[in-house]
């Protein structure tokens, strides 16, 4: 399904594949946005626009069909939950494969349960998986295996560095059970990537972004000061 502008009262439809290297979370995100317990694809309204979301497997059994689908996308959502070295390496390889197939703008969303206050990283020296609590961000830590000292990063900083994301790719937090945050992150991505969605919503970009509510991103250099 490619984006198209139709005449009359019909709205422009945006096609947005939702992808992840981790099983199940693309489906969960689409269900949260659509407000359904079963569907893994469907439409959601943004002002004068309708966006068609589809949970898709980036490493599926039909590479040619997947490539054609990405080439028709207006934007792509990539979801991450686990942030240890192995998980993010798998994500990086697949994400680069998708990016090579299309020119659509992409947003990376950290998709976690609401009560989760910890995340995993891997020691850059020995690869040991390490639990990190959110309140420890910005502090100095040490790997329990190789004793390498390190500054504990925010999830978004760790994700951006490990996946080698361009500065133009937004990294946003979303909560599995919060439909408004999932929709807000999606609207934020579309508004920031030049889709023109804010114009059809009848408001300037800055006002549209104010309504696209997402959690604040912590500055790793300011935490604990």
N, C-alpha and C. Protein backbone atom coordinates (compact mmCIF):
# COMPACT_ATOMS: atom_id res chain seq x y z
N UNK A 1 0.85 -1.19 0.00
CA UNK A 1 0.00 0.00 0.00
C UNK A 1 0.88 1.23 0.00
N UNK A 2 0.82 2.05 -1.00
CA UNK A 2 1.60 3.26 -1.07
C UNK A 2 0.75 4.44 -0.66
N UNK A 3 1.43 5.52 -0.24
CA UNK A 3 0.71 6.72 0.14
C UNK A 3 0.06 7.32 -1.09
N UNK A 4 -1.14 7.84 -0.93
CA UNK A 4 -1.83 8.45 -2.07
C UNK A 4 -2.73 9.54 -1.57
N UNK A 5 -2.92 10.58 -2.40
CA UNK A 5 -3.84 11.66 -2.08
C UNK A 5 -5.07 11.48 -2.93
N UNK A 6 -6.21 11.35 -2.29
CA UNK A 6 -7.44 11.08 -3.00
C UNK A 6 -8.32 12.32 -2.99
N UNK A 7 -9.23 12.41 -3.94
CA UNK A 7 -10.08 13.58 -4.09
C UNK A 7 -11.26 13.51 -3.13
N UNK A 8 -11.99 14.67 -3.09
CA UNK A 8 -13.20 14.71 -2.27
C UNK A 8 -12.89 14.72 -0.80
N UNK A 9 -13.71 14.01 -0.03
CA UNK A 9 -13.57 14.02 1.41
C UNK A 9 -12.62 12.96 1.93
N UNK A 10 -12.09 12.12 1.04
CA UNK A 10 -11.18 11.07 1.49
C UNK A 10 -9.86 11.68 1.94
N UNK A 11 -9.16 10.98 2.79
CA UNK A 11 -7.94 11.49 3.39
C UNK A 11 -6.72 10.81 2.82
N UNK A 12 -5.60 11.49 2.92
CA UNK A 12 -4.35 10.89 2.47
C UNK A 12 -3.98 9.76 3.42
N UNK A 13 -3.63 8.61 2.86
CA UNK A 13 -3.28 7.47 3.68
C UNK A 13 -1.77 7.29 3.70
N UNK A 14 -1.24 7.15 4.89
CA UNK A 14 0.18 6.91 5.08
C UNK A 14 0.39 5.44 5.42
N UNK A 15 1.40 4.83 4.82
CA UNK A 15 1.70 3.43 5.12
C UNK A 15 2.93 3.38 6.02
N UNK A 16 2.77 2.74 7.20
CA UNK A 16 3.83 2.71 8.20
C UNK A 16 4.06 1.28 8.68
N UNK A 17 5.09 0.59 8.17
CA UNK A 17 5.44 -0.71 8.73
C UNK A 17 6.03 -0.54 10.13
N UNK A 18 5.68 -1.45 11.03
CA UNK A 18 6.20 -1.46 12.40
C UNK A 18 7.05 -2.71 12.55
N UNK A 19 8.34 -2.53 12.86
CA UNK A 19 9.29 -3.63 12.81
C UNK A 19 10.05 -3.78 14.13
N UNK A 20 10.57 -4.97 14.35
CA UNK A 20 11.44 -5.22 15.50
C UNK A 20 12.18 -6.53 15.25
N UNK A 21 13.38 -6.61 15.82
CA UNK A 21 14.12 -7.87 15.78
C UNK A 21 13.66 -8.80 16.89
N UNK A 22 12.82 -8.29 17.81
CA UNK A 22 12.36 -9.07 18.96
C UNK A 22 10.93 -9.54 18.71
N UNK A 23 10.64 -10.81 18.87
CA UNK A 23 9.31 -11.35 18.57
C UNK A 23 8.22 -10.72 19.44
N UNK A 24 7.11 -10.40 18.80
CA UNK A 24 5.90 -10.02 19.53
C UNK A 24 5.71 -8.55 19.82
N UNK A 25 6.78 -7.75 19.88
CA UNK A 25 6.57 -6.38 20.33
C UNK A 25 6.02 -5.47 19.23
N UNK A 26 6.28 -5.78 17.96
CA UNK A 26 5.66 -5.01 16.89
C UNK A 26 4.14 -5.21 16.92
N UNK A 27 3.71 -6.45 17.12
CA UNK A 27 2.28 -6.73 17.24
C UNK A 27 1.68 -5.97 18.42
N UNK A 28 2.38 -5.97 19.56
CA UNK A 28 1.86 -5.31 20.75
C UNK A 28 1.74 -3.81 20.55
N UNK A 29 2.70 -3.20 19.87
CA UNK A 29 2.64 -1.75 19.62
C UNK A 29 1.46 -1.40 18.72
N UNK A 30 1.27 -2.16 17.64
CA UNK A 30 0.16 -1.88 16.74
C UNK A 30 -1.17 -2.04 17.47
N UNK A 31 -1.29 -3.06 18.29
CA UNK A 31 -2.53 -3.25 19.06
C UNK A 31 -2.77 -2.08 20.01
N UNK A 32 -1.70 -1.58 20.63
CA UNK A 32 -1.86 -0.44 21.54
C UNK A 32 -2.33 0.79 20.79
N UNK A 33 -1.74 1.07 19.63
CA UNK A 33 -2.13 2.25 18.85
C UNK A 33 -3.58 2.13 18.37
N UNK A 34 -3.95 0.93 17.91
CA UNK A 34 -5.30 0.73 17.36
C UNK A 34 -6.34 0.54 18.46
N UNK A 35 -5.90 0.25 19.68
CA UNK A 35 -6.84 -0.01 20.76
C UNK A 35 -7.58 -1.32 20.59
N UNK A 36 -6.87 -2.34 20.11
CA UNK A 36 -7.48 -3.64 19.87
C UNK A 36 -6.69 -4.73 20.57
N UNK A 37 -7.32 -5.84 20.84
CA UNK A 37 -6.65 -6.95 21.50
C UNK A 37 -6.12 -7.98 20.51
N UNK A 38 -6.48 -7.86 19.23
CA UNK A 38 -6.15 -8.91 18.27
C UNK A 38 -5.45 -8.43 17.01
N UNK A 39 -5.87 -7.32 16.44
CA UNK A 39 -5.37 -6.91 15.12
C UNK A 39 -3.89 -6.54 15.16
N UNK A 40 -3.16 -6.92 14.12
CA UNK A 40 -1.76 -6.53 13.98
C UNK A 40 -1.57 -5.61 12.77
N UNK A 41 -2.67 -5.11 12.24
CA UNK A 41 -2.63 -4.09 11.20
C UNK A 41 -3.96 -3.35 11.22
N UNK A 42 -3.94 -2.10 10.75
CA UNK A 42 -5.17 -1.32 10.73
C UNK A 42 -4.86 0.15 10.62
N UNK A 43 -5.91 0.97 10.58
CA UNK A 43 -5.77 2.40 10.36
C UNK A 43 -6.00 3.20 11.64
N UNK A 44 -5.28 4.32 11.75
CA UNK A 44 -5.46 5.25 12.86
C UNK A 44 -5.47 6.66 12.29
N UNK A 45 -6.26 7.55 12.85
CA UNK A 45 -6.41 8.91 12.33
C UNK A 45 -5.43 9.87 12.99
N UNK A 46 -4.87 10.78 12.17
CA UNK A 46 -4.09 11.91 12.62
C UNK A 46 -4.57 13.13 11.86
N UNK A 47 -5.49 13.89 12.44
CA UNK A 47 -6.03 15.05 11.75
C UNK A 47 -6.70 14.64 10.45
N UNK A 48 -6.26 15.23 9.34
CA UNK A 48 -6.82 14.91 8.03
C UNK A 48 -6.23 13.62 7.44
N UNK A 49 -5.30 13.02 8.15
CA UNK A 49 -4.62 11.83 7.64
C UNK A 49 -5.17 10.57 8.27
N UNK A 50 -5.00 9.47 7.53
CA UNK A 50 -5.20 8.14 8.10
C UNK A 50 -3.92 7.36 7.84
N UNK A 51 -3.39 6.78 8.89
CA UNK A 51 -2.16 6.00 8.78
C UNK A 51 -2.50 4.52 8.89
N UNK A 52 -2.01 3.75 7.94
CA UNK A 52 -2.19 2.30 7.99
C UNK A 52 -0.94 1.69 8.59
N UNK A 53 -1.08 1.06 9.76
CA UNK A 53 0.04 0.41 10.44
C UNK A 53 0.01 -1.08 10.18
N UNK A 54 1.18 -1.66 10.03
CA UNK A 54 1.26 -3.11 9.85
C UNK A 54 2.50 -3.64 10.55
N UNK A 55 2.30 -4.55 11.50
CA UNK A 55 3.43 -5.24 12.13
C UNK A 55 4.03 -6.20 11.11
N UNK A 56 5.33 -6.08 10.89
CA UNK A 56 5.98 -6.89 9.87
C UNK A 56 7.29 -7.44 10.40
N UNK A 57 7.67 -8.60 9.95
CA UNK A 57 8.94 -9.22 10.34
C UNK A 57 10.03 -8.80 9.38
N UNK A 58 11.09 -8.12 9.84
CA UNK A 58 12.14 -7.66 8.92
C UNK A 58 12.97 -8.79 8.34
N UNK A 59 12.94 -9.97 8.96
CA UNK A 59 13.71 -11.11 8.46
C UNK A 59 12.77 -12.25 8.08
N UNK A 60 11.69 -11.89 7.43
CA UNK A 60 10.67 -12.87 7.08
C UNK A 60 11.09 -13.81 5.96
N UNK A 61 10.16 -14.64 5.53
CA UNK A 61 10.47 -15.66 4.52
C UNK A 61 10.34 -15.12 3.09
N UNK A 62 9.93 -13.87 2.95
CA UNK A 62 9.75 -13.29 1.62
C UNK A 62 10.55 -11.99 1.51
N UNK A 63 11.89 -12.07 1.39
CA UNK A 63 12.72 -10.87 1.35
C UNK A 63 12.34 -9.90 0.24
N UNK A 64 12.01 -10.43 -0.95
CA UNK A 64 11.66 -9.56 -2.06
C UNK A 64 10.37 -8.80 -1.77
N UNK A 65 9.39 -9.50 -1.22
CA UNK A 65 8.13 -8.84 -0.88
C UNK A 65 8.31 -7.82 0.22
N UNK A 66 9.16 -8.13 1.21
CA UNK A 66 9.42 -7.20 2.30
C UNK A 66 10.12 -5.95 1.77
N UNK A 67 11.07 -6.12 0.87
CA UNK A 67 11.78 -4.97 0.30
C UNK A 67 10.82 -4.06 -0.44
N UNK A 68 9.91 -4.63 -1.22
CA UNK A 68 8.92 -3.83 -1.93
C UNK A 68 8.01 -3.08 -0.97
N UNK A 69 7.69 -3.71 0.14
CA UNK A 69 6.84 -3.07 1.15
C UNK A 69 7.54 -1.87 1.78
N UNK A 70 8.83 -2.03 2.11
CA UNK A 70 9.56 -0.92 2.70
C UNK A 70 9.68 0.26 1.74
N UNK A 71 9.83 -0.06 0.46
CA UNK A 71 9.98 1.00 -0.53
C UNK A 71 8.71 1.83 -0.68
N UNK A 72 7.55 1.27 -0.28
CA UNK A 72 6.28 2.00 -0.35
C UNK A 72 5.96 2.75 0.93
N UNK A 73 6.80 2.60 1.95
CA UNK A 73 6.49 3.17 3.26
C UNK A 73 6.66 4.69 3.27
N UNK A 74 5.79 5.36 4.02
CA UNK A 74 5.93 6.80 4.27
C UNK A 74 6.82 7.05 5.47
N UNK A 75 6.86 6.12 6.40
CA UNK A 75 7.73 6.18 7.57
C UNK A 75 7.82 4.76 8.11
N UNK A 76 8.86 4.50 8.89
CA UNK A 76 9.06 3.17 9.48
C UNK A 76 9.30 3.32 10.97
N UNK A 77 8.62 2.50 11.75
CA UNK A 77 8.83 2.45 13.20
C UNK A 77 9.65 1.21 13.52
N UNK A 78 10.74 1.39 14.26
CA UNK A 78 11.54 0.26 14.72
C UNK A 78 11.46 0.23 16.24
N UNK A 79 11.09 -0.93 16.79
CA UNK A 79 10.90 -1.07 18.23
C UNK A 79 12.01 -1.88 18.87
N UNK A 80 12.40 -1.45 20.08
CA UNK A 80 13.44 -2.14 20.85
C UNK A 80 12.97 -2.26 22.29
N UNK A 81 13.19 -3.40 22.89
CA UNK A 81 12.96 -3.57 24.32
C UNK A 81 14.28 -3.91 25.02
N UNK A 82 14.87 -5.05 24.66
CA UNK A 82 16.13 -5.47 25.29
C UNK A 82 17.30 -4.73 24.67
N UNK A 83 18.25 -4.30 25.54
CA UNK A 83 19.35 -3.47 25.06
C UNK A 83 20.72 -4.04 25.40
N UNK A 84 20.80 -5.36 25.57
CA UNK A 84 22.10 -5.99 25.73
C UNK A 84 22.77 -6.09 24.37
N UNK A 85 24.07 -6.42 24.37
CA UNK A 85 24.85 -6.40 23.13
C UNK A 85 24.31 -7.32 22.05
N UNK A 86 23.94 -8.55 22.41
CA UNK A 86 23.46 -9.51 21.40
C UNK A 86 22.16 -9.03 20.77
N UNK A 87 21.22 -8.56 21.59
CA UNK A 87 19.93 -8.10 21.07
C UNK A 87 20.10 -6.91 20.14
N UNK A 88 20.95 -5.96 20.54
CA UNK A 88 21.12 -4.77 19.71
C UNK A 88 21.95 -5.05 18.47
N UNK A 89 22.84 -6.02 18.51
CA UNK A 89 23.58 -6.39 17.30
C UNK A 89 22.63 -7.00 16.28
N UNK A 90 21.72 -7.86 16.75
CA UNK A 90 20.71 -8.41 15.84
C UNK A 90 19.86 -7.29 15.25
N UNK A 91 19.47 -6.33 16.11
CA UNK A 91 18.66 -5.21 15.64
C UNK A 91 19.42 -4.36 14.64
N UNK A 92 20.71 -4.12 14.90
CA UNK A 92 21.49 -3.26 14.01
C UNK A 92 21.61 -3.87 12.61
N UNK A 93 21.87 -5.17 12.55
CA UNK A 93 22.02 -5.84 11.25
C UNK A 93 20.71 -5.77 10.46
N UNK A 94 19.61 -6.07 11.12
CA UNK A 94 18.32 -6.05 10.43
C UNK A 94 17.90 -4.63 10.07
N UNK A 95 18.16 -3.69 10.97
CA UNK A 95 17.80 -2.30 10.71
C UNK A 95 18.57 -1.76 9.50
N UNK A 96 19.84 -2.07 9.40
CA UNK A 96 20.63 -1.62 8.25
C UNK A 96 20.11 -2.25 6.96
N UNK A 97 19.65 -3.49 7.05
CA UNK A 97 19.09 -4.15 5.87
C UNK A 97 17.82 -3.43 5.40
N UNK A 98 16.98 -3.06 6.36
CA UNK A 98 15.75 -2.34 6.02
C UNK A 98 16.08 -0.96 5.46
N UNK A 99 17.01 -0.25 6.11
CA UNK A 99 17.37 1.10 5.67
C UNK A 99 17.94 1.09 4.26
N UNK A 100 18.62 0.02 3.88
CA UNK A 100 19.19 -0.07 2.54
C UNK A 100 18.11 -0.30 1.47
N UNK A 101 16.91 -0.69 1.90
CA UNK A 101 15.84 -1.00 0.95
C UNK A 101 14.92 0.18 0.68
N UNK A 102 15.03 1.24 1.48
CA UNK A 102 14.07 2.33 1.31
C UNK A 102 14.66 3.65 1.78
N UNK A 103 13.96 4.73 1.43
CA UNK A 103 14.38 6.07 1.82
C UNK A 103 13.42 6.68 2.84
N UNK A 104 12.48 5.91 3.34
CA UNK A 104 11.49 6.43 4.27
C UNK A 104 12.14 6.84 5.59
N UNK A 105 11.68 7.95 6.20
CA UNK A 105 12.20 8.33 7.52
C UNK A 105 11.87 7.26 8.55
N UNK A 106 12.72 7.14 9.55
CA UNK A 106 12.57 6.08 10.55
C UNK A 106 12.63 6.66 11.95
N UNK A 107 11.85 6.10 12.85
CA UNK A 107 11.94 6.41 14.26
C UNK A 107 12.18 5.14 15.05
N UNK A 108 13.00 5.22 16.08
CA UNK A 108 13.29 4.07 16.94
C UNK A 108 12.62 4.32 18.29
N UNK A 109 11.74 3.42 18.69
CA UNK A 109 10.99 3.56 19.94
C UNK A 109 11.43 2.49 20.93
N UNK A 110 11.73 2.93 22.15
CA UNK A 110 12.02 2.01 23.25
C UNK A 110 10.68 1.61 23.86
N UNK A 111 10.32 0.35 23.75
CA UNK A 111 8.98 -0.15 24.07
C UNK A 111 9.06 -1.06 25.29
N UNK A 112 8.68 -0.53 26.46
CA UNK A 112 8.83 -1.26 27.71
C UNK A 112 7.55 -1.26 28.52
N UNK A 113 7.39 -2.24 29.42
CA UNK A 113 6.25 -2.22 30.33
C UNK A 113 6.30 -0.99 31.24
N UNK A 114 5.15 -0.52 31.67
CA UNK A 114 5.07 0.72 32.44
C UNK A 114 5.87 0.66 33.73
N UNK A 115 5.85 -0.47 34.43
CA UNK A 115 6.49 -0.57 35.73
C UNK A 115 7.98 -0.89 35.65
N UNK A 116 8.49 -1.09 34.46
CA UNK A 116 9.89 -1.48 34.31
C UNK A 116 10.81 -0.29 34.56
N UNK A 117 11.67 -0.40 35.54
CA UNK A 117 12.59 0.68 35.90
C UNK A 117 14.05 0.25 35.75
N UNK A 118 14.26 -0.77 34.96
CA UNK A 118 15.62 -1.25 34.75
C UNK A 118 15.78 -1.68 33.29
N UNK A 119 17.02 -1.72 32.85
CA UNK A 119 17.29 -2.17 31.50
C UNK A 119 18.66 -2.84 31.49
N UNK A 120 18.94 -3.59 30.45
CA UNK A 120 20.20 -4.31 30.34
C UNK A 120 21.10 -3.66 29.30
N UNK A 121 22.38 -3.60 29.61
CA UNK A 121 23.40 -3.23 28.64
C UNK A 121 24.48 -4.30 28.70
N UNK A 122 25.41 -4.25 27.77
CA UNK A 122 26.54 -5.16 27.79
C UNK A 122 27.82 -4.37 28.00
N UNK A 123 28.73 -4.93 28.78
CA UNK A 123 30.03 -4.29 28.98
C UNK A 123 30.73 -4.16 27.63
N UNK A 124 31.20 -2.97 27.25
CA UNK A 124 31.86 -2.81 25.95
C UNK A 124 33.21 -3.52 25.89
N UNK A 125 33.75 -3.94 27.04
CA UNK A 125 35.05 -4.60 27.06
C UNK A 125 34.92 -6.12 26.93
N UNK A 126 34.07 -6.74 27.76
CA UNK A 126 34.01 -8.21 27.79
C UNK A 126 32.66 -8.78 27.36
N UNK A 127 31.65 -7.92 27.17
CA UNK A 127 30.34 -8.38 26.71
C UNK A 127 29.42 -8.87 27.81
N UNK A 128 29.84 -8.80 29.07
CA UNK A 128 29.00 -9.23 30.18
C UNK A 128 27.70 -8.43 30.21
N UNK A 129 26.55 -9.14 30.33
CA UNK A 129 25.28 -8.44 30.45
C UNK A 129 25.16 -7.85 31.84
N UNK A 130 24.69 -6.60 31.91
CA UNK A 130 24.62 -5.86 33.17
C UNK A 130 23.24 -5.25 33.34
N UNK A 131 22.64 -5.44 34.51
CA UNK A 131 21.39 -4.77 34.83
C UNK A 131 21.70 -3.34 35.25
N UNK A 132 20.91 -2.40 34.78
CA UNK A 132 21.05 -1.00 35.16
C UNK A 132 19.69 -0.47 35.59
N UNK A 133 19.64 0.21 36.72
CA UNK A 133 18.41 0.85 37.18
C UNK A 133 18.35 2.28 36.63
N UNK A 134 17.15 2.77 36.36
CA UNK A 134 17.01 4.10 35.77
C UNK A 134 17.65 5.17 36.65
N UNK A 135 17.56 5.03 37.99
CA UNK A 135 18.11 6.07 38.86
C UNK A 135 19.64 6.04 38.87
N UNK A 136 20.25 5.02 38.26
CA UNK A 136 21.71 4.94 38.20
C UNK A 136 22.28 5.61 36.95
N UNK A 137 21.42 6.06 36.05
CA UNK A 137 21.87 6.72 34.83
C UNK A 137 22.70 7.96 35.19
N UNK A 138 23.84 8.13 34.54
CA UNK A 138 24.72 9.26 34.80
C UNK A 138 25.76 9.00 35.87
N UNK A 139 25.62 7.87 36.57
CA UNK A 139 26.60 7.53 37.59
C UNK A 139 27.74 6.72 36.98
N UNK A 140 28.83 6.61 37.72
CA UNK A 140 29.93 5.76 37.29
C UNK A 140 29.71 4.35 37.84
N UNK A 141 29.95 3.36 37.01
CA UNK A 141 29.81 1.98 37.43
C UNK A 141 31.03 1.17 37.03
N UNK A 142 30.96 -0.14 37.32
CA UNK A 142 32.08 -1.02 36.99
C UNK A 142 31.52 -2.39 36.63
N UNK A 143 32.04 -2.99 35.57
CA UNK A 143 31.62 -4.33 35.18
C UNK A 143 32.01 -5.32 36.26
N UNK A 144 31.08 -6.18 36.63
CA UNK A 144 31.36 -7.16 37.68
C UNK A 144 32.29 -8.27 37.20
N UNK A 145 32.45 -8.40 35.89
CA UNK A 145 33.29 -9.47 35.33
C UNK A 145 34.72 -9.00 35.10
N UNK A 146 34.89 -7.97 34.27
CA UNK A 146 36.24 -7.53 33.92
C UNK A 146 36.70 -6.30 34.70
N UNK A 147 35.78 -5.73 35.50
CA UNK A 147 36.07 -4.57 36.36
C UNK A 147 36.31 -3.30 35.57
N UNK A 148 35.91 -3.26 34.32
CA UNK A 148 36.09 -2.05 33.52
C UNK A 148 35.17 -0.95 34.03
N UNK A 149 35.68 0.26 34.31
CA UNK A 149 34.82 1.37 34.73
C UNK A 149 34.07 1.95 33.54
N UNK A 150 32.89 2.48 33.80
CA UNK A 150 32.10 3.07 32.73
C UNK A 150 31.11 4.07 33.30
N UNK A 151 30.70 5.03 32.46
CA UNK A 151 29.62 5.94 32.80
C UNK A 151 28.32 5.29 32.33
N UNK A 152 27.34 5.20 33.22
CA UNK A 152 26.09 4.52 32.86
C UNK A 152 25.25 5.44 31.98
N UNK A 153 24.92 5.01 30.75
CA UNK A 153 24.20 5.88 29.81
C UNK A 153 22.70 5.79 30.01
N UNK A 154 21.98 6.75 29.43
CA UNK A 154 20.53 6.62 29.33
C UNK A 154 20.23 5.54 28.29
N UNK A 155 19.04 4.93 28.36
CA UNK A 155 18.70 3.96 27.32
C UNK A 155 18.80 4.54 25.91
N UNK A 156 18.34 5.77 25.73
CA UNK A 156 18.35 6.35 24.38
C UNK A 156 19.76 6.62 23.89
N UNK A 157 20.66 7.08 24.77
CA UNK A 157 22.04 7.31 24.36
C UNK A 157 22.73 5.99 24.02
N UNK A 158 22.48 4.98 24.84
CA UNK A 158 23.07 3.66 24.58
C UNK A 158 22.56 3.09 23.26
N UNK A 159 21.26 3.25 23.03
CA UNK A 159 20.65 2.74 21.80
C UNK A 159 21.20 3.46 20.58
N UNK A 160 21.28 4.78 20.65
CA UNK A 160 21.75 5.56 19.50
C UNK A 160 23.19 5.20 19.14
N UNK A 161 24.04 5.03 20.17
CA UNK A 161 25.44 4.72 19.90
C UNK A 161 25.60 3.30 19.35
N UNK A 162 24.89 2.33 19.94
CA UNK A 162 25.06 0.93 19.55
C UNK A 162 24.49 0.66 18.16
N UNK A 163 23.34 1.28 17.85
CA UNK A 163 22.73 1.06 16.54
C UNK A 163 23.30 1.99 15.47
N UNK A 164 24.18 2.90 15.89
CA UNK A 164 24.83 3.84 14.95
C UNK A 164 23.79 4.68 14.21
N UNK A 165 22.86 5.22 14.96
CA UNK A 165 21.77 5.99 14.37
C UNK A 165 22.21 7.40 14.02
N UNK A 166 21.72 7.91 12.92
CA UNK A 166 21.95 9.30 12.56
C UNK A 166 21.24 10.22 13.55
N UNK A 167 21.72 11.45 13.68
CA UNK A 167 21.11 12.41 14.60
C UNK A 167 19.66 12.71 14.22
N UNK A 168 19.34 12.55 12.95
CA UNK A 168 17.99 12.87 12.47
C UNK A 168 16.96 11.81 12.85
N UNK A 169 17.41 10.64 13.33
CA UNK A 169 16.49 9.56 13.71
C UNK A 169 16.04 9.77 15.15
N UNK A 170 14.76 10.05 15.39
CA UNK A 170 14.31 10.24 16.77
C UNK A 170 14.30 8.93 17.54
N UNK A 171 14.71 8.99 18.81
CA UNK A 171 14.65 7.84 19.72
C UNK A 171 13.71 8.24 20.85
N UNK A 172 12.57 7.54 20.95
CA UNK A 172 11.52 7.93 21.89
C UNK A 172 11.12 6.75 22.77
N UNK A 173 10.64 7.06 23.98
CA UNK A 173 10.14 6.04 24.89
C UNK A 173 8.64 5.87 24.74
N UNK A 174 8.18 4.64 24.73
CA UNK A 174 6.75 4.36 24.74
C UNK A 174 6.48 3.25 25.75
N UNK A 175 5.24 3.21 26.24
CA UNK A 175 4.84 2.25 27.26
C UNK A 175 3.82 1.29 26.65
N UNK A 176 4.01 0.01 26.88
CA UNK A 176 3.16 -1.01 26.27
C UNK A 176 1.67 -0.76 26.51
N UNK A 177 1.31 -0.39 27.72
CA UNK A 177 -0.11 -0.30 28.07
C UNK A 177 -0.70 1.09 27.86
N UNK A 178 0.10 2.04 27.34
CA UNK A 178 -0.38 3.42 27.21
C UNK A 178 -0.60 3.76 25.74
N UNK A 179 -1.85 3.67 25.30
CA UNK A 179 -2.17 3.92 23.89
C UNK A 179 -1.86 5.36 23.50
N UNK A 180 -2.09 6.32 24.41
CA UNK A 180 -1.86 7.73 24.07
C UNK A 180 -0.37 8.01 23.84
N UNK A 181 0.52 7.38 24.63
CA UNK A 181 1.95 7.57 24.41
C UNK A 181 2.39 6.91 23.11
N UNK A 182 1.85 5.75 22.79
CA UNK A 182 2.20 5.08 21.53
C UNK A 182 1.76 5.92 20.35
N UNK A 183 0.54 6.45 20.41
CA UNK A 183 0.07 7.30 19.32
C UNK A 183 0.86 8.61 19.27
N UNK A 184 1.17 9.15 20.45
CA UNK A 184 1.93 10.40 20.49
C UNK A 184 3.30 10.26 19.89
N UNK A 185 3.99 9.16 20.18
CA UNK A 185 5.31 8.93 19.60
C UNK A 185 5.21 8.81 18.08
N UNK A 186 4.18 8.14 17.60
CA UNK A 186 3.98 7.99 16.17
C UNK A 186 3.71 9.33 15.51
N UNK A 187 2.85 10.13 16.13
CA UNK A 187 2.56 11.47 15.58
C UNK A 187 3.80 12.35 15.62
N UNK A 188 4.60 12.21 16.68
CA UNK A 188 5.84 12.97 16.79
C UNK A 188 6.79 12.62 15.65
N UNK A 189 6.92 11.34 15.36
CA UNK A 189 7.78 10.91 14.25
C UNK A 189 7.30 11.52 12.94
N UNK A 190 6.01 11.43 12.67
CA UNK A 190 5.47 11.93 11.40
C UNK A 190 5.64 13.44 11.28
N UNK A 191 5.44 14.16 12.38
CA UNK A 191 5.58 15.62 12.34
C UNK A 191 7.02 16.04 12.12
N UNK A 192 7.95 15.29 12.66
CA UNK A 192 9.36 15.65 12.56
C UNK A 192 10.01 15.22 11.25
N UNK A 193 9.36 14.36 10.51
CA UNK A 193 9.99 13.81 9.30
C UNK A 193 9.41 14.38 8.02
N UNK A 194 8.72 15.49 8.11
CA UNK A 194 8.30 16.19 6.91
C UNK A 194 7.13 15.58 6.20
N UNK A 195 6.27 14.83 6.90
CA UNK A 195 5.12 14.23 6.23
C UNK A 195 4.04 15.25 5.89
N UNK A 196 4.14 16.44 6.52
CA UNK A 196 3.11 17.45 6.31
C UNK A 196 1.87 17.19 7.13
N UNK A 197 1.94 16.26 8.05
CA UNK A 197 0.75 15.88 8.80
C UNK A 197 0.21 17.02 9.65
N UNK A 198 1.10 17.86 10.19
CA UNK A 198 0.65 18.94 11.05
C UNK A 198 -0.19 19.96 10.28
N UNK A 199 0.14 20.16 8.99
CA UNK A 199 -0.63 21.11 8.19
C UNK A 199 -2.06 20.64 8.01
N UNK A 200 -2.24 19.35 7.74
CA UNK A 200 -3.57 18.82 7.56
C UNK A 200 -4.32 18.67 8.87
N UNK A 201 -3.59 18.76 9.99
CA UNK A 201 -4.25 18.74 11.29
C UNK A 201 -4.75 20.13 11.66
N UNK A 202 -4.45 21.13 10.79
CA UNK A 202 -4.97 22.47 11.01
C UNK A 202 -4.18 23.29 12.02
N UNK A 203 -2.90 23.01 12.21
CA UNK A 203 -2.12 23.74 13.19
C UNK A 203 -0.66 23.76 12.76
N UNK A 204 0.12 24.77 13.24
CA UNK A 204 1.54 24.82 12.90
C UNK A 204 2.30 23.68 13.54
N UNK A 205 3.52 23.38 13.03
CA UNK A 205 4.27 22.23 13.53
C UNK A 205 4.49 22.23 15.03
N UNK A 206 4.84 23.42 15.61
CA UNK A 206 5.14 23.44 17.04
C UNK A 206 3.92 23.10 17.89
N UNK A 207 2.72 23.52 17.44
CA UNK A 207 1.51 23.20 18.18
C UNK A 207 1.15 21.73 18.03
N UNK A 208 1.37 21.19 16.85
CA UNK A 208 1.08 19.77 16.64
C UNK A 208 1.99 18.92 17.53
N UNK A 209 3.27 19.29 17.62
CA UNK A 209 4.20 18.52 18.43
C UNK A 209 3.85 18.58 19.91
N UNK A 210 3.27 19.70 20.35
CA UNK A 210 2.86 19.79 21.75
C UNK A 210 1.78 18.77 22.07
N UNK A 211 0.96 18.44 21.08
CA UNK A 211 -0.09 17.46 21.30
C UNK A 211 0.42 16.02 21.14
N UNK A 212 1.58 15.87 20.52
CA UNK A 212 2.16 14.54 20.33
C UNK A 212 3.03 14.22 21.54
N UNK A 213 2.39 13.94 22.66
CA UNK A 213 3.08 13.84 23.94
C UNK A 213 3.91 12.56 24.03
N UNK A 214 5.18 12.74 24.45
CA UNK A 214 6.07 11.61 24.71
C UNK A 214 6.86 11.92 25.99
N UNK A 215 7.39 10.89 26.67
CA UNK A 215 8.15 11.15 27.90
C UNK A 215 9.42 11.93 27.63
N UNK A 216 9.84 12.71 28.61
CA UNK A 216 11.06 13.48 28.50
C UNK A 216 12.27 12.56 28.38
N UNK A 217 13.28 12.99 27.63
CA UNK A 217 14.52 12.24 27.51
C UNK A 217 15.55 12.83 28.49
N UNK A 218 16.16 12.00 29.33
CA UNK A 218 17.13 12.47 30.28
C UNK A 218 18.45 12.77 29.59
N UNK A 219 19.09 13.85 30.01
CA UNK A 219 20.43 14.19 29.52
C UNK A 219 21.43 13.44 30.38
N UNK A 220 22.17 12.53 29.77
CA UNK A 220 23.10 11.69 30.53
C UNK A 220 24.15 12.52 31.26
N UNK A 221 24.46 13.72 30.76
CA UNK A 221 25.48 14.54 31.39
C UNK A 221 24.98 15.37 32.55
N UNK A 222 23.64 15.40 32.71
CA UNK A 222 23.06 16.24 33.76
C UNK A 222 22.47 15.44 34.90
N UNK A 223 22.27 14.14 34.71
CA UNK A 223 21.65 13.32 35.75
C UNK A 223 22.52 13.29 36.98
N UNK A 224 21.92 13.53 38.14
CA UNK A 224 22.62 13.48 39.41
C UNK A 224 23.31 14.77 39.79
N UNK A 225 23.24 15.81 38.92
CA UNK A 225 23.88 17.09 39.26
C UNK A 225 22.94 17.94 40.12
